[in-house]
Amino acid sequence: VQLQAFGGGLVQAGGYLRLSCAASGSPFVFATMAWYRQAPGKGREWVATMTRNSRTRYADSVKGRFTISRNIAENMVYLELASVEPKDTAVYYCNTNPPTLQWGQGTMVTVSS
């Protein structure tokens, strides 16, 4: 299974981005998927989770601003980032929850103040 996240970029504080993650391989169909992020100089942290039954959970730091969704038929997971803040600057990754797949390269999100 390979994971490829894309859609990152430079955005001003208060702005919006939509990240996408493409996952190949059948395990994705049954998995709880999640987004993680790693800010410069910090460890990787969990951001949001969506189960196969569409139950969602969010880290307190993004609750009310980020939205996770998925398209099981197309093996895609999405993360909408709204009202972004400079502290959201990080490389964003998708994986299962808990993470069991090889990490992809992630996609960089830079929020300017």
PDB file of N, CA and C in Angstrom:
ATOM      1  N   VAL A   1       0.852  -1.190   0.000  1.00  0.00           N
ATOM      2  CA  VAL A   1       0.000   0.000   0.000  1.00  0.00           C
ATOM      3  C   VAL A   1       0.886   1.237   0.000  1.00  0.00           C
ATOM      4  N   GLN A   2       0.542   2.153  -0.862  1.00  0.00           N
ATOM      5  CA  GLN A   2       1.268   3.415  -0.913  1.00  0.00           C
ATOM      6  C   GLN A   2       0.319   4.569  -0.619  1.00  0.00           C
ATOM      7  N   LEU A   3       0.849   5.550   0.089  1.00  0.00           N
ATOM      8  CA  LEU A   3       0.080   6.724   0.447  1.00  0.00           C
ATOM      9  C   LEU A   3       0.714   7.943  -0.194  1.00  0.00           C
ATOM     10  N   GLN A   4      -0.101   8.780  -0.794  1.00  0.00           N
ATOM     11  CA  GLN A   4       0.408  10.006  -1.400  1.00  0.00           C
ATOM     12  C   GLN A   4      -0.511  11.158  -1.027  1.00  0.00           C
ATOM     13  N   ALA A   5       0.021  12.088  -0.262  1.00  0.00           N
ATOM     14  CA  ALA A   5      -0.721  13.276   0.131  1.00  0.00           C
ATOM     15  C   ALA A   5      -0.342  14.431  -0.775  1.00  0.00           C
ATOM     16  N   PHE A   6      -1.307  15.266  -1.107  1.00  0.00           N
ATOM     17  CA  PHE A   6      -1.035  16.426  -1.953  1.00  0.00           C
ATOM     18  C   PHE A   6      -2.075  17.504  -1.676  1.00  0.00           C
ATOM     19  N   GLY A   7      -1.814  18.684  -2.218  1.00  0.00           N
ATOM     20  CA  GLY A   7      -2.734  19.797  -2.044  1.00  0.00           C
ATOM     21  C   GLY A   7      -2.231  20.888  -1.120  1.00  0.00           C
ATOM     22  N   GLY A   8      -1.054  20.697  -0.534  1.00  0.00           N
ATOM     23  CA  GLY A   8      -0.513  21.709   0.351  1.00  0.00           C
ATOM     24  C   GLY A   8      -0.030  22.934  -0.412  1.00  0.00           C
ATOM     25  N   GLY A   9       0.408  23.929   0.344  1.00  0.00           N
ATOM     26  CA  GLY A   9       0.914  25.140  -0.283  1.00  0.00           C
ATOM     27  C   GLY A   9       0.998  26.256   0.721  1.00  0.00           C
ATOM     28  N   LEU A  10       1.144  27.460   0.214  1.00  0.00           N
ATOM     29  CA  LEU A  10       1.238  28.661   1.040  1.00  0.00           C
ATOM     30  C   LEU A  10      -0.143  29.313   1.111  1.00  0.00           C
ATOM     31  N   VAL A  11      -0.566  29.611   2.325  1.00  0.00           N
ATOM     32  CA  VAL A  11      -1.880  30.221   2.523  1.00  0.00           C
ATOM     33  C   VAL A  11      -1.767  31.259   3.630  1.00  0.00           C
ATOM     34  N   GLN A  12      -2.530  32.303   3.520  1.00  0.00           N
ATOM     35  CA  GLN A  12      -2.527  33.327   4.557  1.00  0.00           C
ATOM     36  C   GLN A  12      -3.362  32.893   5.751  1.00  0.00           C
ATOM     37  N   ALA A  13      -3.024  33.406   6.897  1.00  0.00           N
ATOM     38  CA  ALA A  13      -3.796  33.114   8.101  1.00  0.00           C
ATOM     39  C   ALA A  13      -5.268  33.462   7.850  1.00  0.00           C
ATOM     40  N   GLY A  14      -6.140  32.570   8.309  1.00  0.00           N
ATOM     41  CA  GLY A  14      -7.568  32.749   8.078  1.00  0.00           C
ATOM     42  C   GLY A  14      -8.060  32.113   6.804  1.00  0.00           C
ATOM     43  N   GLY A  15      -7.148  31.623   5.997  1.00  0.00           N
ATOM     44  CA  GLY A  15      -7.498  31.049   4.707  1.00  0.00           C
ATOM     45  C   GLY A  15      -7.913  29.591   4.775  1.00  0.00           C
ATOM     46  N   TYR A  16      -7.996  28.991   3.579  1.00  0.00           N
ATOM     47  CA  TYR A  16      -8.539  27.634   3.432  1.00  0.00           C
ATOM     48  C   TYR A  16      -7.664  26.822   2.482  1.00  0.00           C
ATOM     49  N   LEU A  17      -7.535  25.542   2.802  1.00  0.00           N
ATOM     50  CA  LEU A  17      -6.865  24.591   1.917  1.00  0.00           C
ATOM     51  C   LEU A  17      -7.592  23.265   2.006  1.00  0.00           C
ATOM     52  N   ARG A  18      -7.515  22.501   0.938  1.00  0.00           N
ATOM     53  CA  ARG A  18      -8.053  21.145   0.966  1.00  0.00           C
ATOM     54  C   ARG A  18      -6.928  20.184   0.592  1.00  0.00           C
ATOM     55  N   LEU A  19      -6.619  19.302   1.505  1.00  0.00           N
ATOM     56  CA  LEU A  19      -5.604  18.298   1.263  1.00  0.00           C
ATOM     57  C   LEU A  19      -6.256  16.993   0.829  1.00  0.00           C
ATOM     58  N   SER A  20      -5.540  16.259  -0.004  1.00  0.00           N
ATOM     59  CA  SER A  20      -6.035  14.970  -0.464  1.00  0.00           C
ATOM     60  C   SER A  20      -4.981  13.908  -0.211  1.00  0.00           C
ATOM     61  N   CYS A  21      -5.441  12.695  -0.047  1.00  0.00           N
ATOM     62  CA  CYS A  21      -4.537  11.558   0.140  1.00  0.00           C
ATOM     63  C   CYS A  21      -5.068  10.392  -0.676  1.00  0.00           C
ATOM     64  N   ALA A  22      -4.214   9.894  -1.547  1.00  0.00           N
ATOM     65  CA  ALA A  22      -4.567   8.733  -2.351  1.00  0.00           C
ATOM     66  C   ALA A  22      -3.882   7.506  -1.773  1.00  0.00           C
ATOM     67  N   ALA A  23      -4.646   6.468  -1.552  1.00  0.00           N
ATOM     68  CA  ALA A  23      -4.108   5.232  -0.987  1.00  0.00           C
ATOM     69  C   ALA A  23      -4.396   4.076  -1.924  1.00  0.00           C
ATOM     70  N   SER A  24      -3.371   3.380  -2.283  1.00  0.00           N
ATOM     71  CA  SER A  24      -3.545   2.213  -3.146  1.00  0.00           C
ATOM     72  C   SER A  24      -3.609   0.957  -2.302  1.00  0.00           C
ATOM     73  N   GLY A  25      -4.323  -0.036  -2.741  1.00  0.00           N
ATOM     74  CA  GLY A  25      -4.354  -1.287  -2.020  1.00  0.00           C
ATOM     75  C   GLY A  25      -5.628  -1.492  -1.246  1.00  0.00           C
ATOM     76  N   SER A  26      -6.093  -2.690  -1.181  1.00  0.00           N
ATOM     77  CA  SER A  26      -7.376  -3.015  -0.574  1.00  0.00           C
ATOM     78  C   SER A  26      -7.464  -2.767   0.928  1.00  0.00           C
ATOM     79  N   PRO A  27      -6.381  -2.824   1.722  1.00  0.00           N
ATOM     80  CA  PRO A  27      -6.534  -2.589   3.170  1.00  0.00           C
ATOM     81  C   PRO A  27      -7.189  -1.273   3.496  1.00  0.00           C
ATOM     82  N   PHE A  28      -7.081  -0.296   2.629  1.00  0.00           N
ATOM     83  CA  PHE A  28      -7.660   1.011   2.887  1.00  0.00           C
ATOM     84  C   PHE A  28      -9.158   0.914   3.088  1.00  0.00           C
ATOM     85  N   VAL A  29      -9.799   0.000   2.387  1.00  0.00           N
ATOM     86  CA  VAL A  29     -11.251  -0.099   2.439  1.00  0.00           C
ATOM     87  C   VAL A  29     -11.741  -0.379   3.852  1.00  0.00           C
ATOM     88  N   PHE A  30     -10.974  -1.095   4.632  1.00  0.00           N
ATOM     89  CA  PHE A  30     -11.421  -1.517   5.944  1.00  0.00           C
ATOM     90  C   PHE A  30     -10.832  -0.707   7.087  1.00  0.00           C
ATOM     91  N   ALA A  31      -9.964   0.216   6.755  1.00  0.00           N
ATOM     92  CA  ALA A  31      -9.178   0.858   7.788  1.00  0.00           C
ATOM     93  C   ALA A  31      -9.812   2.138   8.297  1.00  0.00           C
ATOM     94  N   THR A  32      -9.495   2.452   9.535  1.00  0.00           N
ATOM     95  CA  THR A  32      -9.725   3.788  10.061  1.00  0.00           C
ATOM     96  C   THR A  32      -8.577   4.647   9.574  1.00  0.00           C
ATOM     97  N   MET A  33      -8.891   5.706   8.876  1.00  0.00           N
ATOM     98  CA  MET A  33      -7.869   6.562   8.299  1.00  0.00           C
ATOM     99  C   MET A  33      -7.721   7.848   9.101  1.00  0.00           C
ATOM    100  N   ALA A  34      -6.548   8.420   9.013  1.00  0.00           N
ATOM    101  CA  ALA A  34      -6.267   9.608   9.810  1.00  0.00           C
ATOM    102  C   ALA A  34      -5.285  10.521   9.090  1.00  0.00           C
ATOM    103  N   TRP A  35      -5.285  11.744   9.545  1.00  0.00           N
ATOM    104  CA  TRP A  35      -4.275  12.720   9.135  1.00  0.00           C
ATOM    105  C   TRP A  35      -3.374  13.012  10.333  1.00  0.00           C
ATOM    106  N   TYR A  36      -2.123  13.208  10.021  1.00  0.00           N
ATOM    107  CA  TYR A  36      -1.117  13.571  11.015  1.00  0.00           C
ATOM    108  C   TYR A  36      -0.354  14.766  10.458  1.00  0.00           C
ATOM    109  N   ARG A  37       0.403  15.421  11.321  1.00  0.00           N
ATOM    110  CA  ARG A  37       1.238  16.514  10.839  1.00  0.00           C
ATOM    111  C   ARG A  37       2.499  16.601  11.675  1.00  0.00           C
ATOM    112  N   GLN A  38       3.519  17.180  11.044  1.00  0.00           N
ATOM    113  CA  GLN A  38       4.782  17.376  11.732  1.00  0.00           C
ATOM    114  C   GLN A  38       5.259  18.790  11.454  1.00  0.00           C
ATOM    115  N   ALA A  39       5.241  19.613  12.480  1.00  0.00           N
ATOM    116  CA  ALA A  39       5.710  20.986  12.353  1.00  0.00           C
ATOM    117  C   ALA A  39       7.234  21.004  12.366  1.00  0.00           C
ATOM    118  N   PRO A  40       7.835  22.035  11.799  1.00  0.00           N
ATOM    119  CA  PRO A  40       9.300  22.125  11.766  1.00  0.00           C
ATOM    120  C   PRO A  40       9.903  21.997  13.162  1.00  0.00           C
ATOM    121  N   GLY A  41      10.816  21.072  13.316  1.00  0.00           N
ATOM    122  CA  GLY A  41      11.504  20.892  14.583  1.00  0.00           C
ATOM    123  C   GLY A  41      10.710  20.160  15.646  1.00  0.00           C
ATOM    124  N   LYS A  42       9.561  19.637  15.298  1.00  0.00           N
ATOM    125  CA  LYS A  42       8.722  18.940  16.273  1.00  0.00           C
ATOM    126  C   LYS A  42       8.406  17.526  15.796  1.00  0.00           C
ATOM    127  N   GLY A  43       7.838  16.741  16.699  1.00  0.00           N
ATOM    128  CA  GLY A  43       7.461  15.380  16.354  1.00  0.00           C
ATOM    129  C   GLY A  43       6.139  15.338  15.615  1.00  0.00           C
ATOM    130  N   ARG A  44       5.854  14.181  15.045  1.00  0.00           N
ATOM    131  CA  ARG A  44       4.602  14.008  14.322  1.00  0.00           C
ATOM    132  C   ARG A  44       3.444  13.898  15.314  1.00  0.00           C
ATOM    133  N   GLU A  45       2.340  14.554  15.005  1.00  0.00           N
ATOM    134  CA  GLU A  45       1.174  14.501  15.878  1.00  0.00           C
ATOM    135  C   GLU A  45      -0.077  14.134  15.090  1.00  0.00           C
ATOM    136  N   TRP A  46      -0.993  13.509  15.784  1.00  0.00           N
ATOM    137  CA  TRP A  46      -2.267  13.130  15.188  1.00  0.00           C
ATOM    138  C   TRP A  46      -3.149  14.365  15.067  1.00  0.00           C
ATOM    139  N   VAL A  47      -3.908  14.455  13.962  1.00  0.00           N
ATOM    140  CA  VAL A  47      -4.769  15.598  13.698  1.00  0.00           C
ATOM    141  C   VAL A  47      -6.251  15.201  13.677  1.00  0.00           C
ATOM    142  N   ALA A  48      -6.587  14.177  12.896  1.00  0.00           N
ATOM    143  CA  ALA A  48      -8.005  13.830  12.741  1.00  0.00           C
ATOM    144  C   ALA A  48      -8.129  12.388  12.281  1.00  0.00           C
ATOM    145  N   THR A  49      -9.265  11.788  12.598  1.00  0.00           N
ATOM    146  CA  THR A  49      -9.537  10.398  12.256  1.00  0.00           C
ATOM    147  C   THR A  49     -10.942  10.247  11.699  1.00  0.00           C
ATOM    148  N   MET A  50     -11.080   9.351  10.728  1.00  0.00           N
ATOM    149  CA  MET A  50     -12.404   8.974  10.262  1.00  0.00           C
ATOM    150  C   MET A  50     -12.460   7.465  10.129  1.00  0.00           C
ATOM    151  N   THR A  51     -13.451   6.853  10.740  1.00  0.00           N
ATOM    152  CA  THR A  51     -13.617   5.408  10.626  1.00  0.00           C
ATOM    153  C   THR A  51     -14.312   5.072   9.319  1.00  0.00           C
ATOM    154  N   ARG A  52     -14.371   3.780   9.028  1.00  0.00           N
ATOM    155  CA  ARG A  52     -15.051   3.359   7.818  1.00  0.00           C
ATOM    156  C   ARG A  52     -16.540   3.700   7.891  1.00  0.00           C
ATOM    157  N   ASN A  53     -17.063   3.831   9.113  1.00  0.00           N
ATOM    158  CA  ASN A  53     -18.467   4.185   9.319  1.00  0.00           C
ATOM    159  C   ASN A  53     -18.671   5.693   9.467  1.00  0.00           C
ATOM    160  N   SER A  54     -17.647   6.442   9.087  1.00  0.00           N
ATOM    161  CA  SER A  54     -17.707   7.905   9.042  1.00  0.00           C
ATOM    162  C   SER A  54     -17.747   8.588  10.400  1.00  0.00           C
ATOM    163  N   ARG A  55     -17.333   7.903  11.437  1.00  0.00           N
ATOM    164  CA  ARG A  55     -17.193   8.568  12.725  1.00  0.00           C
ATOM    165  C   ARG A  55     -15.887   9.358  12.700  1.00  0.00           C
ATOM    166  N   THR A  56     -15.917  10.552  13.228  1.00  0.00           N
ATOM    167  CA  THR A  56     -14.745  11.416  13.192  1.00  0.00           C
ATOM    168  C   THR A  56     -14.309  11.839  14.594  1.00  0.00           C
ATOM    169  N   ARG A  57     -13.030  12.088  14.712  1.00  0.00           N
ATOM    170  CA  ARG A  57     -12.447  12.665  15.920  1.00  0.00           C
ATOM    171  C   ARG A  57     -11.381  13.648  15.493  1.00  0.00           C
ATOM    172  N   TYR A  58     -11.197  14.667  16.312  1.00  0.00           N
ATOM    173  CA  TYR A  58     -10.234  15.704  15.986  1.00  0.00           C
ATOM    174  C   TYR A  58      -9.389  16.048  17.200  1.00  0.00           C
ATOM    175  N   ALA A  59      -8.161  16.435  16.932  1.00  0.00           N
ATOM    176  CA  ALA A  59      -7.323  16.987  17.989  1.00  0.00           C
ATOM    177  C   ALA A  59      -7.937  18.315  18.428  1.00  0.00           C
ATOM    178  N   ASP A  60      -7.787  18.625  19.692  1.00  0.00           N
ATOM    179  CA  ASP A  60      -8.372  19.861  20.224  1.00  0.00           C
ATOM    180  C   ASP A  60      -7.876  21.089  19.464  1.00  0.00           C
ATOM    181  N   SER A  61      -6.646  21.034  18.998  1.00  0.00           N
ATOM    182  CA  SER A  61      -6.044  22.190  18.339  1.00  0.00           C
ATOM    183  C   SER A  61      -6.679  22.516  16.993  1.00  0.00           C
ATOM    184  N   VAL A  62      -7.408  21.563  16.408  1.00  0.00           N
ATOM    185  CA  VAL A  62      -8.005  21.804  15.091  1.00  0.00           C
ATOM    186  C   VAL A  62      -9.514  21.665  15.098  1.00  0.00           C
ATOM    187  N   LYS A  63     -10.070  21.260  16.205  1.00  0.00           N
ATOM    188  CA  LYS A  63     -11.513  21.027  16.291  1.00  0.00           C
ATOM    189  C   LYS A  63     -12.283  22.296  15.931  1.00  0.00           C
ATOM    190  N   GLY A  64     -13.271  22.134  15.067  1.00  0.00           N
ATOM    191  CA  GLY A  64     -14.062  23.277  14.629  1.00  0.00           C
ATOM    192  C   GLY A  64     -13.483  24.006  13.438  1.00  0.00           C
ATOM    193  N   ARG A  65     -12.244  23.681  13.070  1.00  0.00           N
ATOM    194  CA  ARG A  65     -11.609  24.350  11.926  1.00  0.00           C
ATOM    195  C   ARG A  65     -11.295  23.372  10.784  1.00  0.00           C
ATOM    196  N   PHE A  66     -10.938  22.152  11.136  1.00  0.00           N
ATOM    197  CA  PHE A  66     -10.571  21.159  10.129  1.00  0.00           C
ATOM    198  C   PHE A  66     -11.691  20.139   9.988  1.00  0.00           C
ATOM    199  N   THR A  67     -11.813  19.586   8.789  1.00  0.00           N
ATOM    200  CA  THR A  67     -12.824  18.567   8.528  1.00  0.00           C
ATOM    201  C   THR A  67     -12.208  17.428   7.730  1.00  0.00           C
ATOM    202  N   ILE A  68     -12.327  16.218   8.247  1.00  0.00           N
ATOM    203  CA  ILE A  68     -11.833  15.039   7.550  1.00  0.00           C
ATOM    204  C   ILE A  68     -12.998  14.360   6.832  1.00  0.00           C
ATOM    205  N   SER A  69     -12.714  13.831   5.667  1.00  0.00           N
ATOM    206  CA  SER A  69     -13.724  13.086   4.919  1.00  0.00           C
ATOM    207  C   SER A  69     -13.006  12.028   4.083  1.00  0.00           C
ATOM    208  N   ARG A  70     -13.780  11.126   3.515  1.00  0.00           N
ATOM    209  CA  ARG A  70     -13.155  10.081   2.718  1.00  0.00           C
ATOM    210  C   ARG A  70     -14.111   9.604   1.645  1.00  0.00           C
ATOM    211  N   ASN A  71     -13.533   9.071   0.590  1.00  0.00           N
ATOM    212  CA  ASN A  71     -14.297   8.437  -0.472  1.00  0.00           C
ATOM    213  C   ASN A  71     -13.746   7.025  -0.591  1.00  0.00           C
ATOM    214  N   ILE A  72     -14.446   6.086   0.026  1.00  0.00           N
ATOM    215  CA  ILE A  72     -13.933   4.721   0.078  1.00  0.00           C
ATOM    216  C   ILE A  72     -13.833   4.126  -1.316  1.00  0.00           C
ATOM    217  N   ALA A  73     -14.807   4.408  -2.147  1.00  0.00           N
ATOM    218  CA  ALA A  73     -14.815   3.821  -3.487  1.00  0.00           C
ATOM    219  C   ALA A  73     -13.598   4.247  -4.294  1.00  0.00           C
ATOM    220  N   GLU A  74     -13.115   5.454  -4.035  1.00  0.00           N
ATOM    221  CA  GLU A  74     -11.961   5.963  -4.785  1.00  0.00           C
ATOM    222  C   GLU A  74     -10.683   5.909  -3.982  1.00  0.00           C
ATOM    223  N   ASN A  75     -10.733   5.316  -2.790  1.00  0.00           N
ATOM    224  CA  ASN A  75      -9.536   5.214  -1.942  1.00  0.00           C
ATOM    225  C   ASN A  75      -8.906   6.573  -1.670  1.00  0.00           C
ATOM    226  N   MET A  76      -9.734   7.545  -1.357  1.00  0.00           N
ATOM    227  CA  MET A  76      -9.244   8.891  -1.091  1.00  0.00           C
ATOM    228  C   MET A  76      -9.649   9.350   0.308  1.00  0.00           C
ATOM    229  N   VAL A  77      -8.778  10.095   0.925  1.00  0.00           N
ATOM    230  CA  VAL A  77      -9.067  10.741   2.206  1.00  0.00           C
ATOM    231  C   VAL A  77      -8.761  12.218   2.034  1.00  0.00           C
ATOM    232  N   TYR A  78      -9.582  13.059   2.637  1.00  0.00           N
ATOM    233  CA  TYR A  78      -9.418  14.493   2.486  1.00  0.00           C
ATOM    234  C   TYR A  78      -9.326  15.173   3.845  1.00  0.00           C
ATOM    235  N   LEU A  79      -8.700  16.324   3.852  1.00  0.00           N
ATOM    236  CA  LEU A  79      -8.674  17.161   5.050  1.00  0.00           C
ATOM    237  C   LEU A  79      -8.858  18.594   4.611  1.00  0.00           C
ATOM    238  N   GLU A  80      -9.953  19.191   5.036  1.00  0.00           N
ATOM    239  CA  GLU A  80     -10.199  20.596   4.760  1.00  0.00           C
ATOM    240  C   GLU A  80      -9.698  21.414   5.944  1.00  0.00           C
ATOM    241  N   LEU A  81      -8.872  22.386   5.622  1.00  0.00           N
ATOM    242  CA  LEU A  81      -8.305  23.261   6.635  1.00  0.00           C
ATOM    243  C   LEU A  81      -8.939  24.641   6.459  1.00  0.00           C
ATOM    244  N   ALA A  82      -9.693  25.072   7.443  1.00  0.00           N
ATOM    245  CA  ALA A  82     -10.301  26.390   7.403  1.00  0.00           C
ATOM    246  C   ALA A  82      -9.776  27.222   8.570  1.00  0.00           C
ATOM    247  N   SER A  83      -9.872  28.522   8.402  1.00  0.00           N
ATOM    248  CA  SER A  83      -9.401  29.441   9.455  1.00  0.00           C
ATOM    249  C   SER A  83      -8.004  29.050   9.925  1.00  0.00           C
ATOM    250  N   VAL A  84      -7.127  28.815   8.980  1.00  0.00           N
ATOM    251  CA  VAL A  84      -5.787  28.341   9.330  1.00  0.00           C
ATOM    252  C   VAL A  84      -5.023  29.406  10.104  1.00  0.00           C
ATOM    253  N   GLU A  85      -4.100  28.908  10.907  1.00  0.00           N
ATOM    254  CA  GLU A  85      -3.267  29.763  11.750  1.00  0.00           C
ATOM    255  C   GLU A  85      -1.811  29.410  11.493  1.00  0.00           C
ATOM    256  N   PRO A  86      -0.898  30.338  11.787  1.00  0.00           N
ATOM    257  CA  PRO A  86       0.524  30.020  11.581  1.00  0.00           C
ATOM    258  C   PRO A  86       0.956  28.738  12.281  1.00  0.00           C
ATOM    259  N   LYS A  87       0.348  28.398  13.410  1.00  0.00           N
ATOM    260  CA  LYS A  87       0.715  27.176  14.127  1.00  0.00           C
ATOM    261  C   LYS A  87       0.304  25.913  13.380  1.00  0.00           C
ATOM    262  N   ASP A  88      -0.486  26.062  12.318  1.00  0.00           N
ATOM    263  CA  ASP A  88      -0.860  24.910  11.497  1.00  0.00           C
ATOM    264  C   ASP A  88       0.210  24.578  10.459  1.00  0.00           C
ATOM    265  N   THR A  89       1.236  25.388  10.368  1.00  0.00           N
ATOM    266  CA  THR A  89       2.327  25.129   9.434  1.00  0.00           C
ATOM    267  C   THR A  89       2.996  23.801   9.772  1.00  0.00           C
ATOM    268  N   ALA A  90       3.017  22.905   8.804  1.00  0.00           N
ATOM    269  CA  ALA A  90       3.546  21.561   9.044  1.00  0.00           C
ATOM    270  C   ALA A  90       3.508  20.769   7.742  1.00  0.00           C
ATOM    271  N   VAL A  91       4.171  19.626   7.780  1.00  0.00           N
ATOM    272  CA  VAL A  91       3.986  18.630   6.716  1.00  0.00           C
ATOM    273  C   VAL A  91       2.849  17.725   7.162  1.00  0.00           C
ATOM    274  N   TYR A  92       1.878  17.545   6.302  1.00  0.00           N
ATOM    275  CA  TYR A  92       0.693  16.750   6.623  1.00  0.00           C
ATOM    276  C   TYR A  92       0.773  15.398   5.929  1.00  0.00           C
ATOM    277  N   TYR A  93       0.439  14.365   6.688  1.00  0.00           N
ATOM    278  CA  TYR A  93       0.497  12.988   6.209  1.00  0.00           C
ATOM    279  C   TYR A  93      -0.847  12.296   6.476  1.00  0.00           C
ATOM    280  N   CYS A  94      -1.142  11.298   5.682  1.00  0.00           N
ATOM    281  CA  CYS A  94      -2.255  10.423   6.005  1.00  0.00           C
ATOM    282  C   CYS A  94      -1.712   9.030   6.289  1.00  0.00           C
ATOM    283  N   ASN A  95      -2.469   8.283   7.055  1.00  0.00           N
ATOM    284  CA  ASN A  95      -2.116   6.905   7.386  1.00  0.00           C
ATOM    285  C   ASN A  95      -3.321   6.290   8.071  1.00  0.00           C
ATOM    286  N   THR A  96      -3.220   5.038   8.408  1.00  0.00           N
ATOM    287  CA  THR A  96      -4.262   4.422   9.208  1.00  0.00           C
ATOM    288  C   THR A  96      -4.129   4.924  10.651  1.00  0.00           C
ATOM    289  N   ASN A  97      -5.110   4.588  11.471  1.00  0.00           N
ATOM    290  CA  ASN A  97      -5.049   4.949  12.874  1.00  0.00           C
ATOM    291  C   ASN A  97      -5.382   3.715  13.714  1.00  0.00           C
ATOM    292  N   PRO A  98      -4.383   3.180  14.407  1.00  0.00           N
ATOM    293  CA  PRO A  98      -3.004   3.670  14.505  1.00  0.00           C
ATOM    294  C   PRO A  98      -2.254   3.497  13.188  1.00  0.00           C
ATOM    295  N   PRO A  99      -1.170   4.222  13.028  1.00  0.00           N
ATOM    296  CA  PRO A  99      -0.439   4.165  11.754  1.00  0.00           C
ATOM    297  C   PRO A  99       0.265   2.828  11.563  1.00  0.00           C
ATOM    298  N   THR A 100      -0.117   2.130  10.498  1.00  0.00           N
ATOM    299  CA  THR A 100       0.472   0.821  10.230  1.00  0.00           C
ATOM    300  C   THR A 100       1.123   0.734   8.861  1.00  0.00           C
ATOM    301  N   LEU A 101       0.882   1.740   8.029  1.00  0.00           N
ATOM    302  CA  LEU A 101       1.420   1.731   6.679  1.00  0.00           C
ATOM    303  C   LEU A 101       2.692   2.572   6.608  1.00  0.00           C
ATOM    304  N   GLN A 102       3.462   2.316   5.580  1.00  0.00           N
ATOM    305  CA  GLN A 102       4.672   3.115   5.384  1.00  0.00           C
ATOM    306  C   GLN A 102       4.267   4.563   5.114  1.00  0.00           C
ATOM    307  N   TRP A 103       4.959   5.485   5.787  1.00  0.00           N
ATOM    308  CA  TRP A 103       4.627   6.887   5.595  1.00  0.00           C
ATOM    309  C   TRP A 103       4.993   7.347   4.195  1.00  0.00           C
ATOM    310  N   GLY A 104       4.094   8.140   3.613  1.00  0.00           N
ATOM    311  CA  GLY A 104       4.418   8.776   2.346  1.00  0.00           C
ATOM    312  C   GLY A 104       5.220  10.039   2.598  1.00  0.00           C
ATOM    313  N   GLN A 105       5.427  10.841   1.548  1.00  0.00           N
ATOM    314  CA  GLN A 105       6.244  12.039   1.678  1.00  0.00           C
ATOM    315  C   GLN A 105       5.500  13.178   2.351  1.00  0.00           C
ATOM    316  N   GLY A 106       4.193  13.132   2.387  1.00  0.00           N
ATOM    317  CA  GLY A 106       3.444  14.211   2.990  1.00  0.00           C
ATOM    318  C   GLY A 106       3.336  15.413   2.068  1.00  0.00           C
ATOM    319  N   THR A 107       2.567  16.392   2.520  1.00  0.00           N
ATOM    320  CA  THR A 107       2.406  17.621   1.752  1.00  0.00           C
ATOM    321  C   THR A 107       2.561  18.803   2.702  1.00  0.00           C
ATOM    322  N   MET A 108       3.354  19.773   2.282  1.00  0.00           N
ATOM    323  CA  MET A 108       3.703  20.901   3.153  1.00  0.00           C
ATOM    324  C   MET A 108       2.626  21.971   3.115  1.00  0.00           C
ATOM    325  N   VAL A 109       2.221  22.409   4.298  1.00  0.00           N
ATOM    326  CA  VAL A 109       1.300  23.527   4.438  1.00  0.00           C
ATOM    327  C   VAL A 109       2.022  24.635   5.186  1.00  0.00           C
ATOM    328  N   THR A 110       2.094  25.803   4.580  1.00  0.00           N
ATOM    329  CA  THR A 110       2.735  26.952   5.213  1.00  0.00           C
ATOM    330  C   THR A 110       1.699  28.062   5.357  1.00  0.00           C
ATOM    331  N   VAL A 111       1.495  28.491   6.591  1.00  0.00           N
ATOM    332  CA  VAL A 111       0.527  29.542   6.868  1.00  0.00           C
ATOM    333  C   VAL A 111       1.274  30.814   7.228  1.00  0.00           C
ATOM    334  N   SER A 112       1.055  31.849   6.464  1.00  0.00           N
ATOM    335  CA  SER A 112       1.717  33.125   6.718  1.00  0.00           C
ATOM    336  C   SER A 112       0.810  34.019   7.546  1.00  0.00           C
ATOM    337  N   SER A 113       1.443  34.808   8.397  1.00  0.00           N
ATOM    338  CA  SER A 113       0.664  35.690   9.282  1.00  0.00           C
ATOM    339  C   SER A 113       0.412  37.038   8.629  1.00  0.00           C
TER     340      SER A 113
END
